[in-house]
Amino acid sequence: MHIVIGLIIAFVLVAFFARRNRGTRRCRWREDRTGNRGALRKYKCAACGAEAFTATKGPPDSCKANLPKT
């Protein structure tokens, strides 16, 4: 019985963490320090080539591949 409960808890945890980063699952953001603008950090996706700026610590939270180019 303990094994079944442990498996159910493990399944729920895996499902939770798999959904948590669903928006950036395919993105592999790399920081491009040559393109930084003051406090904004430039990131480029190695998978789709999208570029994004963020003021927070770490890469963007969502995929930018479907945004129109300006």
N, C-alpha and C. Protein backbone atom coordinates (compact mmCIF):
# COMPACT_ATOMS: atom_id res chain seq x y z
N MET A 1 0.82 -1.19 0.00
CA MET A 1 0.00 0.00 0.00
C MET A 1 0.86 1.25 0.00
N HIS A 2 1.98 1.22 0.72
CA HIS A 2 2.86 2.38 0.78
C HIS A 2 3.51 2.65 -0.59
N ILE A 3 3.77 1.58 -1.33
CA ILE A 3 4.37 1.73 -2.65
C ILE A 3 3.40 2.43 -3.60
N VAL A 4 2.14 2.06 -3.54
CA VAL A 4 1.13 2.68 -4.40
C VAL A 4 0.99 4.16 -4.08
N ILE A 5 0.94 4.52 -2.83
CA ILE A 5 0.84 5.92 -2.42
C ILE A 5 2.09 6.69 -2.86
N GLY A 6 3.26 6.09 -2.71
CA GLY A 6 4.49 6.73 -3.15
C GLY A 6 4.52 6.96 -4.66
N LEU A 7 4.03 5.99 -5.43
CA LEU A 7 3.96 6.14 -6.88
C LEU A 7 2.99 7.25 -7.29
N ILE A 8 1.87 7.33 -6.61
CA ILE A 8 0.89 8.39 -6.91
C ILE A 8 1.49 9.76 -6.62
N ILE A 9 2.16 9.91 -5.50
CA ILE A 9 2.80 11.18 -5.14
C ILE A 9 3.88 11.53 -6.15
N ALA A 10 4.68 10.55 -6.55
CA ALA A 10 5.74 10.79 -7.54
C ALA A 10 5.14 11.22 -8.88
N PHE A 11 4.05 10.59 -9.30
CA PHE A 11 3.40 10.95 -10.55
C PHE A 11 2.87 12.38 -10.50
N VAL A 12 2.26 12.77 -9.40
CA VAL A 12 1.73 14.13 -9.25
C VAL A 12 2.87 15.15 -9.30
N LEU A 13 3.98 14.87 -8.64
CA LEU A 13 5.11 15.79 -8.65
C LEU A 13 5.72 15.93 -10.05
N VAL A 14 5.87 14.84 -10.75
CA VAL A 14 6.41 14.90 -12.12
C VAL A 14 5.47 15.69 -13.03
N ALA A 15 4.18 15.45 -12.90
CA ALA A 15 3.21 16.19 -13.72
C ALA A 15 3.25 17.68 -13.41
N PHE A 16 3.39 18.03 -12.15
CA PHE A 16 3.44 19.44 -11.74
C PHE A 16 4.67 20.14 -12.33
N PHE A 17 5.83 19.53 -12.20
CA PHE A 17 7.05 20.15 -12.70
C PHE A 17 7.12 20.16 -14.22
N ALA A 18 6.47 19.21 -14.88
CA ALA A 18 6.44 19.19 -16.34
C ALA A 18 5.58 20.32 -16.88
N ARG A 19 4.50 20.67 -16.20
CA ARG A 19 3.62 21.76 -16.64
C ARG A 19 4.17 23.13 -16.28
N ARG A 20 5.02 23.19 -15.27
CA ARG A 20 5.48 24.48 -14.75
C ARG A 20 6.23 25.29 -15.81
N ASN A 21 7.08 24.68 -16.61
CA ASN A 21 7.88 25.38 -17.60
C ASN A 21 7.41 25.07 -19.02
N ARG A 22 6.12 24.88 -19.19
CA ARG A 22 5.58 24.50 -20.48
C ARG A 22 5.83 25.57 -21.55
N GLY A 23 5.81 26.85 -21.18
CA GLY A 23 5.99 27.92 -22.15
C GLY A 23 7.38 28.02 -22.71
N THR A 24 8.38 27.55 -22.00
CA THR A 24 9.76 27.65 -22.48
C THR A 24 10.42 26.29 -22.62
N ARG A 25 9.64 25.26 -22.73
CA ARG A 25 10.21 23.92 -22.78
C ARG A 25 11.16 23.74 -23.97
N ARG A 26 10.78 24.28 -25.13
CA ARG A 26 11.61 24.10 -26.32
C ARG A 26 12.67 25.18 -26.47
N CYS A 27 12.60 26.23 -25.70
CA CYS A 27 13.56 27.32 -25.80
C CYS A 27 14.82 27.02 -24.98
N ARG A 28 15.93 27.39 -25.57
CA ARG A 28 17.22 27.27 -24.89
C ARG A 28 17.86 28.65 -24.92
N TRP A 29 17.55 29.45 -23.92
CA TRP A 29 18.01 30.83 -23.88
C TRP A 29 19.48 30.90 -23.51
N ARG A 30 20.22 31.72 -24.25
CA ARG A 30 21.63 31.99 -23.99
C ARG A 30 21.81 33.49 -23.86
N GLU A 31 22.52 33.92 -22.84
CA GLU A 31 22.74 35.36 -22.64
C GLU A 31 23.76 35.87 -23.65
N ASP A 32 23.43 36.99 -24.28
CA ASP A 32 24.31 37.65 -25.24
C ASP A 32 24.75 38.97 -24.62
N ARG A 33 25.87 38.96 -23.93
CA ARG A 33 26.31 40.13 -23.17
C ARG A 33 26.71 41.29 -24.06
N THR A 34 27.01 41.05 -25.32
CA THR A 34 27.38 42.15 -26.21
C THR A 34 26.18 43.02 -26.56
N GLY A 35 24.96 42.49 -26.40
CA GLY A 35 23.76 43.24 -26.75
C GLY A 35 23.04 43.84 -25.55
N ASN A 36 23.63 43.76 -24.36
CA ASN A 36 22.99 44.33 -23.17
C ASN A 36 22.80 45.83 -23.32
N ARG A 37 21.68 46.34 -22.78
CA ARG A 37 21.38 47.77 -22.82
C ARG A 37 21.11 48.25 -21.40
N GLY A 38 22.14 48.69 -20.74
CA GLY A 38 21.99 49.15 -19.36
C GLY A 38 21.60 48.00 -18.45
N ALA A 39 20.43 48.14 -17.80
CA ALA A 39 19.95 47.11 -16.88
C ALA A 39 19.27 45.96 -17.61
N LEU A 40 19.00 46.11 -18.91
CA LEU A 40 18.35 45.05 -19.68
C LEU A 40 19.38 44.07 -20.19
N ARG A 41 19.10 42.79 -19.99
CA ARG A 41 19.99 41.73 -20.46
C ARG A 41 19.40 41.14 -21.74
N LYS A 42 20.24 40.93 -22.73
CA LYS A 42 19.79 40.36 -24.00
C LYS A 42 19.98 38.85 -23.97
N TYR A 43 18.94 38.14 -24.39
CA TYR A 43 18.98 36.68 -24.49
C TYR A 43 18.59 36.29 -25.90
N LYS A 44 19.22 35.24 -26.40
CA LYS A 44 18.90 34.70 -27.72
C LYS A 44 18.64 33.21 -27.57
N CYS A 45 17.58 32.75 -28.21
CA CYS A 45 17.21 31.34 -28.13
C CYS A 45 18.06 30.55 -29.12
N ALA A 46 18.71 29.50 -28.66
CA ALA A 46 19.54 28.67 -29.52
C ALA A 46 18.69 27.77 -30.41
N ALA A 47 17.43 27.54 -30.05
CA ALA A 47 16.56 26.65 -30.82
C ALA A 47 15.87 27.37 -31.97
N CYS A 48 15.27 28.54 -31.71
CA CYS A 48 14.48 29.21 -32.74
C CYS A 48 15.07 30.53 -33.21
N GLY A 49 16.06 31.06 -32.51
CA GLY A 49 16.70 32.31 -32.92
C GLY A 49 16.02 33.57 -32.42
N ALA A 50 14.98 33.43 -31.61
CA ALA A 50 14.29 34.61 -31.09
C ALA A 50 15.19 35.37 -30.13
N GLU A 51 15.03 36.70 -30.10
CA GLU A 51 15.80 37.54 -29.19
C GLU A 51 14.85 38.22 -28.23
N ALA A 52 15.29 38.39 -26.99
CA ALA A 52 14.45 39.03 -25.97
C ALA A 52 15.34 39.75 -24.97
N PHE A 53 14.77 40.79 -24.37
CA PHE A 53 15.45 41.52 -23.31
C PHE A 53 14.67 41.33 -22.02
N THR A 54 15.38 41.24 -20.92
CA THR A 54 14.74 41.10 -19.62
C THR A 54 15.53 41.86 -18.57
N ALA A 55 14.82 42.42 -17.60
CA ALA A 55 15.46 43.13 -16.50
C ALA A 55 15.56 42.26 -15.26
N THR A 56 14.91 41.11 -15.31
CA THR A 56 14.93 40.20 -14.16
C THR A 56 16.13 39.27 -14.26
N LYS A 57 16.42 38.62 -13.17
CA LYS A 57 17.52 37.66 -13.16
C LYS A 57 17.08 36.40 -13.87
N GLY A 58 17.88 35.96 -14.82
CA GLY A 58 17.56 34.75 -15.55
C GLY A 58 16.90 35.03 -16.89
N PRO A 59 16.72 33.98 -17.69
CA PRO A 59 16.15 34.13 -19.04
C PRO A 59 14.66 34.45 -19.01
N PRO A 60 14.09 34.80 -20.16
CA PRO A 60 12.65 35.08 -20.24
C PRO A 60 11.82 33.87 -19.82
N ASP A 61 10.59 34.15 -19.43
CA ASP A 61 9.70 33.09 -18.94
C ASP A 61 8.88 32.43 -20.04
N SER A 62 8.81 33.03 -21.21
CA SER A 62 7.98 32.46 -22.26
C SER A 62 8.72 32.48 -23.60
N CYS A 63 8.26 31.66 -24.51
CA CYS A 63 8.85 31.56 -25.83
C CYS A 63 8.46 32.79 -26.65
N LYS A 64 9.40 33.35 -27.37
CA LYS A 64 9.16 34.55 -28.17
C LYS A 64 9.19 34.25 -29.67
N ALA A 65 9.17 32.99 -30.05
CA ALA A 65 9.32 32.61 -31.45
C ALA A 65 8.15 33.08 -32.31
N ASN A 66 6.95 33.16 -31.77
CA ASN A 66 5.78 33.51 -32.56
C ASN A 66 5.47 34.99 -32.56
N LEU A 67 6.29 35.81 -31.93
CA LEU A 67 6.07 37.26 -31.94
C LEU A 67 6.50 37.83 -33.28
N PRO A 68 5.81 38.87 -33.77
CA PRO A 68 6.22 39.48 -35.04
C PRO A 68 7.56 40.18 -34.92
N LYS A 69 8.34 40.13 -35.99
CA LYS A 69 9.64 40.81 -36.01
C LYS A 69 9.42 42.30 -36.25
N THR A 70 10.21 43.12 -35.53
CA THR A 70 10.09 44.57 -35.72
C THR A 70 11.29 45.13 -36.42
